[in-house]
Amino acid sequence: MKPLTDNKTALILRKNRELTAILEVSKVLTASFALEQNLSSVMSTLASLLEMQRGCVFLLDSISKELRIIAAHGLAKENIERGKYRIGEGIVGRVVEKGVPMVIPNIGKEPLFLNRTGSRPKKDGISFLCVPVKFKNEILGVLSVDRIYSEEEGDVDDDLRVLNIVASLIAQFVKLWESFERVEKEKESLKKELKGRYKIENIIGPSDRMQEVFEAVHRVAPSKASVILRGESGTGKELIAKAIHYRSPIRAFWS
């Protein structure tokens, strides 16, 4: 049996690692909107700081209602591609269905553990911890890890507490990422709409002088040169400027 001081030191070190892991996860998830890259870094952080052998983030497809692995640590590419579940299927699917964490002390003795990825040829002695990735009352997916416990090291309750915090951070990141993606798609759609609206072919001007202007637009639009448009008010300078703008990345000025 370890002396009391040794146990206290080990506990302090464990808490420090937990806090460091949560801090590192927060940093990773606020670094960018790179979904798979950030979530992969989260799983690597958990593995390096909290001794979790394998880990996966599953997200639920709102259309197909299928859970698939978005990011993982300790799994080969072919294992990741096989990691798909329906709601209620296996441990992963049940966590989404019930919305509560599940712990399997020994996956080798649990028939509900499907090992769909095929990444665990020897299952005995491996514990499986699975928590929902939940934003308010919406289940977005699942965070799962493999853990090998010994009498001296590791505590399920501590691990679940940390995993629930990490899952909450992941949920907030995923919702922000979804909003970001939606805004980016709307921006791209608007750009295409405006580009079509201000096509030079849509500007009416049958006169010879206007035809010369159209020819000039076609010449200068692909270049990086700045363009100054001159003319009286009401002659269509703004339309020409927008036509140039949406045909190229140059900046158009008019006076």
Protein backbone atom coordinates (compact mmCIF):
# COMPACT_ATOMS: atom_id res chain seq x y z
CA MET A 1 0.00 0.00 0.00
CA LYS A 2 1.30 3.45 -0.93
CA PRO A 3 1.99 5.97 1.86
CA LEU A 4 -0.63 8.68 2.30
CA THR A 5 1.73 11.40 1.07
CA ASP A 6 2.39 9.45 -2.11
CA ASN A 7 -1.35 9.08 -2.75
CA LYS A 8 -1.86 12.80 -2.19
CA THR A 9 0.98 13.67 -4.59
CA ALA A 10 -0.42 11.30 -7.22
CA LEU A 11 -3.86 12.89 -6.84
CA ILE A 12 -2.45 16.40 -7.25
CA LEU A 13 -0.51 15.35 -10.35
CA ARG A 14 -3.63 13.73 -11.79
CA LYS A 15 -5.71 16.88 -11.22
CA ASN A 16 -3.01 18.99 -12.83
CA ARG A 17 -3.03 16.76 -15.91
CA GLU A 18 -6.81 16.99 -16.10
CA LEU A 19 -6.77 20.78 -15.92
CA THR A 20 -3.95 20.93 -18.48
CA ALA A 21 -5.90 18.63 -20.81
CA ILE A 22 -9.05 20.77 -20.56
CA LEU A 23 -7.04 23.95 -21.16
CA GLU A 24 -5.28 22.45 -24.20
CA VAL A 25 -8.60 21.22 -25.62
CA SER A 26 -10.04 24.74 -25.22
CA LYS A 27 -7.06 26.23 -27.05
CA VAL A 28 -7.34 23.74 -29.91
CA LEU A 29 -11.07 24.29 -30.38
CA THR A 30 -10.73 28.08 -30.51
CA ALA A 31 -7.77 28.09 -32.91
CA SER A 32 -9.77 27.76 -36.14
CA PHE A 33 -12.90 26.32 -37.75
CA ALA A 34 -11.05 23.26 -39.13
CA LEU A 35 -13.48 20.57 -37.90
CA GLU A 36 -11.58 17.32 -38.46
CA GLN A 37 -8.15 18.79 -37.72
CA ASN A 38 -9.24 20.34 -34.43
CA LEU A 39 -11.12 17.28 -33.23
CA SER A 40 -8.17 15.03 -34.10
CA SER A 41 -5.94 17.28 -32.00
CA VAL A 42 -8.41 16.99 -29.13
CA MET A 43 -8.18 13.19 -29.21
CA SER A 44 -4.38 13.32 -29.34
CA THR A 45 -4.39 15.64 -26.32
CA LEU A 46 -6.53 13.22 -24.32
CA ALA A 47 -4.25 10.35 -25.26
CA SER A 48 -1.02 12.14 -24.32
CA LEU A 49 -2.18 13.76 -21.08
CA LEU A 50 -4.75 11.30 -19.74
CA GLU A 51 -3.38 7.96 -20.99
CA MET A 52 -6.38 7.08 -23.13
CA GLN A 53 -5.36 4.46 -25.70
CA ARG A 54 -7.94 5.04 -28.42
CA GLY A 55 -10.49 7.74 -28.88
CA CYS A 56 -13.17 8.76 -31.36
CA VAL A 57 -15.52 11.64 -31.98
CA PHE A 58 -18.70 10.49 -33.72
CA LEU A 59 -21.09 13.06 -35.16
CA LEU A 60 -24.70 12.39 -36.05
CA ASP A 61 -25.80 13.08 -39.61
CA SER A 62 -29.14 14.89 -39.28
CA ILE A 63 -30.38 13.51 -42.61
CA SER A 64 -29.25 9.86 -42.62
CA LYS A 65 -29.40 9.57 -38.80
CA GLU A 66 -26.10 7.72 -38.97
CA LEU A 67 -23.18 8.20 -36.60
CA ARG A 68 -19.77 8.25 -38.21
CA ILE A 69 -16.26 8.92 -36.95
CA ILE A 70 -15.13 12.47 -37.69
CA ALA A 71 -11.83 12.29 -35.81
CA ALA A 72 -9.92 9.57 -34.00
CA HIS A 73 -6.69 8.69 -32.24
CA GLY A 74 -5.13 5.24 -32.36
CA LEU A 75 -7.15 4.01 -35.34
CA ALA A 76 -6.02 3.36 -38.90
CA LYS A 77 -7.88 4.92 -41.82
CA GLU A 78 -9.65 1.66 -42.70
CA ASN A 79 -10.82 1.30 -39.08
CA ILE A 80 -12.23 4.82 -39.11
CA GLU A 81 -14.15 4.19 -42.33
CA ARG A 82 -15.84 1.15 -40.76
CA GLY A 83 -16.93 3.08 -37.68
CA LYS A 84 -20.58 3.76 -38.50
CA TYR A 85 -23.61 3.20 -36.27
CA ARG A 86 -27.34 3.79 -36.30
CA ILE A 87 -29.10 5.33 -33.31
CA GLY A 88 -29.59 2.58 -30.72
CA GLU A 89 -27.00 0.31 -32.33
CA GLY A 90 -24.15 -0.88 -30.10
CA ILE A 91 -22.86 1.16 -27.18
CA VAL A 92 -22.24 4.25 -29.31
CA GLY A 93 -25.76 4.21 -30.73
CA ARG A 94 -27.31 3.66 -27.31
CA VAL A 95 -25.52 6.64 -25.82
CA VAL A 96 -27.06 8.83 -28.53
CA GLU A 97 -30.46 7.20 -28.02
CA LYS A 98 -30.46 7.61 -24.23
CA GLY A 99 -28.38 10.78 -24.01
CA VAL A 100 -26.41 9.52 -21.01
CA PRO A 101 -22.83 8.21 -20.57
CA MET A 102 -22.05 4.50 -20.57
CA VAL A 103 -19.04 2.67 -19.16
CA ILE A 104 -18.10 -0.87 -20.17
CA PRO A 105 -15.53 -2.21 -17.65
CA ASN A 106 -14.36 -4.99 -19.98
CA ILE A 107 -15.43 -4.87 -23.63
CA GLY A 108 -14.35 -8.49 -24.09
CA LYS A 109 -17.29 -9.55 -21.90
CA GLU A 110 -19.89 -7.17 -23.28
CA PRO A 111 -22.01 -8.52 -26.18
CA LEU A 112 -23.40 -5.04 -26.93
CA PHE A 113 -19.91 -3.84 -27.78
CA LEU A 114 -19.78 -4.41 -31.54
CA ASN A 115 -16.14 -3.41 -32.25
CA ARG A 116 -17.40 -2.18 -35.62
CA THR A 117 -14.05 -0.56 -36.44
CA GLY A 118 -12.18 -3.86 -35.93
CA SER A 119 -9.40 -1.96 -34.15
CA ARG A 120 -9.33 -4.19 -31.05
CA PRO A 121 -8.31 -7.78 -31.94
CA LYS A 122 -7.73 -8.45 -28.23
CA LYS A 123 -10.58 -6.94 -26.26
CA ASP A 124 -10.08 -8.36 -22.77
CA GLY A 125 -9.02 -5.86 -20.13
CA ILE A 126 -10.03 -2.77 -22.11
CA SER A 127 -12.58 -0.41 -20.58
CA PHE A 128 -14.76 1.68 -22.88
CA LEU A 129 -16.07 5.08 -21.82
CA CYS A 130 -18.67 6.78 -23.98
CA VAL A 131 -20.35 10.16 -23.36
CA PRO A 132 -22.83 12.15 -25.45
CA VAL A 133 -21.74 15.29 -27.26
CA LYS A 134 -24.70 17.40 -26.29
CA PHE A 135 -25.61 21.07 -26.81
CA LYS A 136 -28.50 21.99 -24.51
CA ASN A 137 -30.98 19.19 -25.29
CA GLU A 138 -29.63 18.38 -28.77
CA ILE A 139 -27.47 15.27 -29.16
CA LEU A 140 -24.80 16.02 -31.76
CA GLY A 141 -22.73 12.86 -31.41
CA VAL A 142 -20.55 10.84 -29.09
CA LEU A 143 -17.07 11.01 -27.56
CA SER A 144 -15.56 7.61 -26.76
CA VAL A 145 -12.23 6.44 -25.37
CA ASP A 146 -10.50 3.18 -24.50
CA ARG A 147 -8.84 2.96 -21.11
CA ILE A 148 -6.80 0.28 -19.36
CA TYR A 149 -7.08 0.61 -15.60
CA SER A 150 -4.89 -0.79 -12.87
CA GLU A 151 -5.37 -0.85 -9.11
CA GLU A 152 -2.83 1.94 -8.71
CA GLU A 153 -3.72 4.17 -11.65
CA GLY A 154 -6.92 5.64 -13.02
CA ASP A 155 -10.42 6.34 -11.80
CA VAL A 156 -13.58 5.95 -13.88
CA ASP A 157 -15.45 8.78 -12.16
CA ASP A 158 -12.55 11.20 -12.75
CA ASP A 159 -12.33 10.18 -16.41
CA LEU A 160 -16.09 10.58 -16.93
CA ARG A 161 -16.02 14.02 -15.35
CA VAL A 162 -13.23 15.17 -17.69
CA LEU A 163 -14.81 13.55 -20.74
CA ASN A 164 -18.14 15.27 -20.03
CA ILE A 165 -16.38 18.63 -19.89
CA VAL A 166 -14.49 17.91 -23.13
CA ALA A 167 -17.70 16.70 -24.81
CA SER A 168 -19.40 19.96 -23.81
CA LEU A 169 -16.53 21.98 -25.33
CA ILE A 170 -16.74 19.88 -28.51
CA ALA A 171 -20.51 20.45 -28.71
CA GLN A 172 -20.07 24.23 -28.52
CA PHE A 173 -17.35 24.09 -31.17
CA VAL A 174 -19.49 21.97 -33.51
CA LYS A 175 -22.42 24.40 -33.23
CA LEU A 176 -20.11 27.34 -33.98
CA TRP A 177 -18.63 25.41 -36.91
CA GLU A 178 -22.13 24.71 -38.27
CA SER A 179 -22.99 28.42 -38.05
CA PHE A 180 -19.71 29.34 -39.74
CA GLU A 181 -20.33 26.85 -42.57
CA ARG A 182 -23.88 28.13 -43.04
CA VAL A 183 -22.70 31.75 -43.29
CA GLU A 184 -19.93 30.78 -45.73
CA LYS A 185 -22.43 28.97 -47.97
CA GLU A 186 -24.79 31.94 -47.86
CA LYS A 187 -21.93 34.28 -48.78
CA GLU A 188 -20.91 32.05 -51.68
CA SER A 189 -24.51 31.82 -52.88
CA LEU A 190 -24.87 35.61 -52.70
CA LYS A 191 -21.62 36.10 -54.61
CA LYS A 192 -22.85 33.82 -57.39
CA GLU A 193 -26.19 35.63 -57.51
CA LEU A 194 -24.54 39.05 -57.71
CA LYS A 195 -22.02 37.85 -60.27
CA GLY A 196 -24.87 36.66 -62.46
CA ARG A 197 -26.86 39.85 -61.94
CA TYR A 198 -23.96 42.10 -62.90
CA LYS A 199 -22.71 40.13 -65.87
CA ILE A 200 -21.60 42.52 -68.58
CA GLU A 201 -23.98 40.73 -70.97
CA ASN A 202 -26.92 41.88 -68.82
CA ILE A 203 -26.12 45.58 -69.27
CA ILE A 204 -28.15 47.07 -72.11
CA GLY A 205 -26.22 49.41 -74.41
CA PRO A 206 -26.57 48.92 -78.17
CA SER A 207 -24.64 52.07 -79.19
CA ASP A 208 -21.15 51.85 -80.68
CA ARG A 209 -19.71 53.80 -77.73
CA MET A 210 -21.20 51.32 -75.22
CA GLN A 211 -19.88 48.40 -77.23
CA GLU A 212 -16.42 49.96 -76.93
CA VAL A 213 -16.94 50.19 -73.15
CA PHE A 214 -17.95 46.50 -72.99
CA GLU A 215 -14.86 45.52 -74.95
CA ALA A 216 -12.70 47.53 -72.53
CA VAL A 217 -14.31 45.76 -69.55
CA HIS A 218 -13.45 42.37 -71.04
CA ARG A 219 -9.85 43.51 -71.51
CA VAL A 220 -9.19 45.02 -68.08
CA ALA A 221 -11.23 42.71 -65.84
CA PRO A 222 -8.70 39.81 -65.87
CA SER A 223 -5.82 42.19 -65.06
CA LYS A 224 -4.66 43.49 -61.67
CA ALA A 225 -4.82 47.11 -62.74
CA SER A 226 -6.99 49.64 -60.92
CA VAL A 227 -9.81 51.08 -63.00
CA ILE A 228 -11.11 54.65 -62.83
CA LEU A 229 -14.54 55.22 -64.36
CA ARG A 230 -15.46 58.74 -65.42
CA GLY A 231 -18.69 60.09 -66.74
CA GLU A 232 -21.76 62.13 -65.95
CA SER A 233 -24.22 61.02 -63.32
CA GLY A 234 -26.77 58.49 -64.59
CA THR A 235 -24.58 57.03 -67.35
CA GLY A 236 -24.22 53.61 -65.68
CA LYS A 237 -20.80 53.90 -64.08
CA GLU A 238 -21.91 51.87 -61.05
CA LEU A 239 -23.16 49.00 -63.24
CA ILE A 240 -19.87 48.91 -65.13
CA ALA A 241 -17.87 49.03 -61.88
CA LYS A 242 -19.82 46.10 -60.44
CA ALA A 243 -19.45 44.15 -63.66
CA ILE A 244 -15.66 44.58 -63.43
CA HIS A 245 -15.66 43.71 -59.73
CA TYR A 246 -17.55 40.45 -60.18
CA ARG A 247 -15.42 39.40 -63.13
CA SER A 248 -12.15 39.75 -61.23
CA PRO A 249 -10.65 40.45 -57.80
CA ILE A 250 -9.49 43.95 -58.70
CA ARG A 251 -10.84 47.02 -56.93
CA ALA A 252 -12.88 49.39 -59.11
CA PHE A 253 -13.08 53.14 -58.41
CA TRP A 254 -15.36 55.63 -60.04
CA SER A 255 -15.58 59.41 -59.88
